[in-house]
Amino acid sequence: MLLTVKDVATRLNVSASCIYQLVESGKLSHHRIGLGRGAIRFSDEDIAEFLNQVREATRPQSPRAAPPRRKLKHLKL
């Protein structure tokens, strides 16, 4: 069963415009059905793949990999 933009937005708890941005940037796979621009539809596999990519990209790195803190010259502590 294919899902609409609204269905995916509801499932991911984001706005429909966020889904359109993810589609436009190529981060969320989709299917176009129909003539012309067509209707955008998503499969469950498309959503699962996107969630796996996001999970991999947002994994915290080790504390040593964090950039050093910058000193704020305008604050006196």
N, C-alpha and C. Protein backbone atom coordinates (compact mmCIF):
# COMPACT_ATOMS: atom_id res chain seq x y z
N MET A 1 0.85 -1.19 0.00
CA MET A 1 0.00 0.00 0.00
C MET A 1 0.89 1.24 0.00
N LEU A 2 0.57 2.19 -0.84
CA LEU A 2 1.34 3.42 -0.92
C LEU A 2 0.69 4.51 -0.09
N LEU A 3 1.53 5.35 0.51
CA LEU A 3 1.06 6.40 1.41
C LEU A 3 1.19 7.77 0.74
N THR A 4 0.34 8.69 1.11
CA THR A 4 0.39 10.06 0.60
C THR A 4 1.35 10.89 1.45
N VAL A 5 1.61 12.10 0.99
CA VAL A 5 2.46 13.02 1.75
C VAL A 5 1.85 13.27 3.13
N LYS A 6 0.56 13.46 3.17
CA LYS A 6 -0.12 13.72 4.45
C LYS A 6 0.01 12.52 5.39
N ASP A 7 -0.12 11.31 4.84
CA ASP A 7 0.01 10.10 5.66
C ASP A 7 1.41 10.00 6.27
N VAL A 8 2.41 10.27 5.46
CA VAL A 8 3.80 10.18 5.93
C VAL A 8 4.07 11.27 6.96
N ALA A 9 3.57 12.47 6.71
CA ALA A 9 3.76 13.57 7.66
C ALA A 9 3.15 13.22 9.01
N THR A 10 1.98 12.63 8.99
CA THR A 10 1.32 12.22 10.23
C THR A 10 2.12 11.12 10.91
N ARG A 11 2.58 10.17 10.14
CA ARG A 11 3.33 9.04 10.71
C ARG A 11 4.64 9.51 11.34
N LEU A 12 5.31 10.48 10.72
CA LEU A 12 6.59 10.98 11.25
C LEU A 12 6.42 12.17 12.19
N ASN A 13 5.19 12.63 12.36
CA ASN A 13 4.87 13.76 13.24
C ASN A 13 5.60 15.03 12.81
N VAL A 14 5.56 15.31 11.50
CA VAL A 14 6.12 16.53 10.94
C VAL A 14 5.08 17.14 10.01
N SER A 15 5.38 18.31 9.46
CA SER A 15 4.44 18.96 8.54
C SER A 15 4.59 18.39 7.13
N ALA A 16 3.58 18.60 6.33
CA ALA A 16 3.63 18.17 4.94
C ALA A 16 4.73 18.91 4.19
N SER A 17 4.94 20.19 4.51
CA SER A 17 6.00 20.95 3.83
C SER A 17 7.38 20.36 4.15
N CYS A 18 7.55 19.81 5.33
CA CYS A 18 8.81 19.15 5.68
C CYS A 18 9.02 17.93 4.79
N ILE A 19 7.97 17.17 4.54
CA ILE A 19 8.06 15.99 3.67
C ILE A 19 8.42 16.42 2.26
N TYR A 20 7.79 17.49 1.75
CA TYR A 20 8.12 17.99 0.41
C TYR A 20 9.59 18.41 0.34
N GLN A 21 10.12 19.03 1.39
CA GLN A 21 11.52 19.43 1.41
C GLN A 21 12.45 18.21 1.39
N LEU A 22 12.09 17.17 2.13
CA LEU A 22 12.88 15.95 2.15
C LEU A 22 12.88 15.28 0.77
N VAL A 23 11.74 15.31 0.10
CA VAL A 23 11.65 14.75 -1.25
C VAL A 23 12.51 15.56 -2.20
N GLU A 24 12.39 16.88 -2.15
CA GLU A 24 13.14 17.77 -3.04
C GLU A 24 14.65 17.61 -2.87
N SER A 25 15.09 17.42 -1.63
CA SER A 25 16.53 17.28 -1.36
C SER A 25 17.05 15.88 -1.67
N GLY A 26 16.14 14.94 -1.93
CA GLY A 26 16.56 13.58 -2.26
C GLY A 26 16.80 12.71 -1.04
N LYS A 27 16.46 13.19 0.13
CA LYS A 27 16.69 12.42 1.35
C LYS A 27 15.61 11.38 1.60
N LEU A 28 14.44 11.58 1.02
CA LEU A 28 13.32 10.66 1.21
C LEU A 28 12.91 10.11 -0.15
N SER A 29 13.10 8.82 -0.35
CA SER A 29 12.73 8.18 -1.61
C SER A 29 11.22 8.18 -1.77
N HIS A 30 10.78 8.24 -3.02
CA HIS A 30 9.35 8.31 -3.30
C HIS A 30 9.06 7.77 -4.69
N HIS A 31 7.78 7.68 -5.00
CA HIS A 31 7.30 7.26 -6.31
C HIS A 31 6.39 8.36 -6.83
N ARG A 32 6.52 8.65 -8.13
CA ARG A 32 5.60 9.61 -8.76
C ARG A 32 4.66 8.81 -9.65
N ILE A 33 3.39 8.99 -9.41
CA ILE A 33 2.38 8.23 -10.14
C ILE A 33 1.48 9.21 -10.88
N GLY A 34 1.29 8.98 -12.17
CA GLY A 34 0.40 9.82 -12.96
C GLY A 34 1.16 10.60 -14.01
N LEU A 35 0.44 11.42 -14.74
CA LEU A 35 1.01 12.22 -15.82
C LEU A 35 1.53 13.55 -15.28
N GLY A 36 2.39 14.18 -16.05
CA GLY A 36 2.94 15.47 -15.64
C GLY A 36 3.84 15.30 -14.42
N ARG A 37 3.65 16.13 -13.45
CA ARG A 37 4.45 16.01 -12.23
C ARG A 37 4.07 14.78 -11.44
N GLY A 38 2.84 14.35 -11.55
CA GLY A 38 2.39 13.13 -10.87
C GLY A 38 2.16 13.34 -9.39
N ALA A 39 1.52 12.37 -8.80
CA ALA A 39 1.27 12.39 -7.37
C ALA A 39 2.42 11.69 -6.66
N ILE A 40 2.85 12.24 -5.55
CA ILE A 40 3.95 11.65 -4.78
C ILE A 40 3.37 10.61 -3.83
N ARG A 41 3.95 9.42 -3.87
CA ARG A 41 3.52 8.34 -2.99
C ARG A 41 4.75 7.67 -2.38
N PHE A 42 4.57 7.09 -1.21
CA PHE A 42 5.67 6.47 -0.47
C PHE A 42 5.30 5.05 -0.09
N SER A 43 6.28 4.17 -0.09
CA SER A 43 6.06 2.81 0.41
C SER A 43 6.60 2.74 1.83
N ASP A 44 6.22 1.71 2.54
CA ASP A 44 6.73 1.51 3.90
C ASP A 44 8.25 1.35 3.88
N GLU A 45 8.78 0.74 2.82
CA GLU A 45 10.23 0.56 2.69
C GLU A 45 10.93 1.90 2.55
N ASP A 46 10.33 2.85 1.81
CA ASP A 46 10.91 4.19 1.66
C ASP A 46 11.05 4.86 3.02
N ILE A 47 10.03 4.75 3.83
CA ILE A 47 10.05 5.39 5.16
C ILE A 47 11.07 4.70 6.06
N ALA A 48 11.11 3.37 6.04
CA ALA A 48 12.06 2.63 6.87
C ALA A 48 13.50 2.96 6.48
N GLU A 49 13.76 3.07 5.18
CA GLU A 49 15.10 3.41 4.70
C GLU A 49 15.49 4.81 5.17
N PHE A 50 14.56 5.76 5.07
CA PHE A 50 14.83 7.12 5.52
C PHE A 50 15.14 7.15 7.01
N LEU A 51 14.35 6.45 7.80
CA LEU A 51 14.57 6.44 9.25
C LEU A 51 15.92 5.81 9.61
N ASN A 52 16.34 4.78 8.89
CA ASN A 52 17.65 4.18 9.12
C ASN A 52 18.77 5.15 8.77
N GLN A 53 18.62 5.90 7.68
CA GLN A 53 19.62 6.89 7.31
C GLN A 53 19.73 7.99 8.36
N VAL A 54 18.59 8.43 8.84
CA VAL A 54 18.60 9.49 9.85
C VAL A 54 19.22 8.98 11.14
N ARG A 55 18.93 7.76 11.51
CA ARG A 55 19.49 7.18 12.73
C ARG A 55 21.00 7.12 12.63
N GLU A 56 21.53 6.71 11.48
CA GLU A 56 22.98 6.62 11.29
C GLU A 56 23.62 8.01 11.33
N ALA A 57 22.96 9.00 10.76
CA ALA A 57 23.53 10.34 10.69
C ALA A 57 23.52 11.05 12.03
N THR A 58 22.61 10.69 12.92
CA THR A 58 22.49 11.41 14.18
C THR A 58 23.07 10.67 15.37
N ARG A 59 23.75 9.57 15.13
CA ARG A 59 24.37 8.86 16.25
C ARG A 59 25.43 9.75 16.90
N PRO A 60 25.42 9.84 18.22
CA PRO A 60 26.43 10.67 18.88
C PRO A 60 27.82 10.08 18.70
N GLN A 61 28.76 10.96 18.51
CA GLN A 61 30.14 10.52 18.39
C GLN A 61 30.77 10.50 19.77
N SER A 62 31.96 9.98 19.84
CA SER A 62 32.65 9.91 21.13
C SER A 62 32.92 11.31 21.64
N PRO A 63 33.02 11.48 22.96
CA PRO A 63 33.25 12.81 23.53
C PRO A 63 34.54 13.44 23.04
N ARG A 64 35.52 12.64 22.69
CA ARG A 64 36.79 13.19 22.21
C ARG A 64 36.65 13.87 20.87
N ALA A 65 35.63 13.50 20.09
CA ALA A 65 35.45 14.05 18.75
C ALA A 65 34.76 15.42 18.79
N ALA A 66 34.28 15.84 19.95
CA ALA A 66 33.60 17.12 20.05
C ALA A 66 34.60 18.25 19.84
N PRO A 67 34.19 19.30 19.15
CA PRO A 67 35.10 20.42 18.92
C PRO A 67 35.40 21.14 20.23
N PRO A 68 36.58 21.73 20.33
CA PRO A 68 36.92 22.44 21.57
C PRO A 68 36.03 23.66 21.74
N ARG A 69 35.76 23.99 22.98
CA ARG A 69 34.92 25.16 23.27
C ARG A 69 35.69 26.44 23.02
N ARG A 70 34.98 27.40 22.45
CA ARG A 70 35.61 28.70 22.22
C ARG A 70 35.42 29.57 23.45
N LYS A 71 36.42 30.34 23.77
CA LYS A 71 36.31 31.27 24.89
C LYS A 71 35.56 32.51 24.43
N LEU A 72 34.66 32.96 25.26
CA LEU A 72 33.89 34.14 24.97
C LEU A 72 34.58 35.33 25.62
N LYS A 73 35.19 36.17 24.81
CA LYS A 73 35.99 37.28 25.30
C LYS A 73 35.16 38.36 25.98
N HIS A 74 33.91 38.49 25.59
CA HIS A 74 33.09 39.56 26.13
C HIS A 74 32.50 39.20 27.50
N LEU A 75 32.65 37.96 27.94
CA LEU A 75 32.14 37.56 29.25
C LEU A 75 33.30 37.41 30.22
N LYS A 76 33.13 37.96 31.40
CA LYS A 76 34.14 37.82 32.44
C LYS A 76 33.58 36.91 33.51
N LEU A 77 34.26 35.81 33.72
CA LEU A 77 33.80 34.85 34.73
C LEU A 77 34.71 34.85 35.91
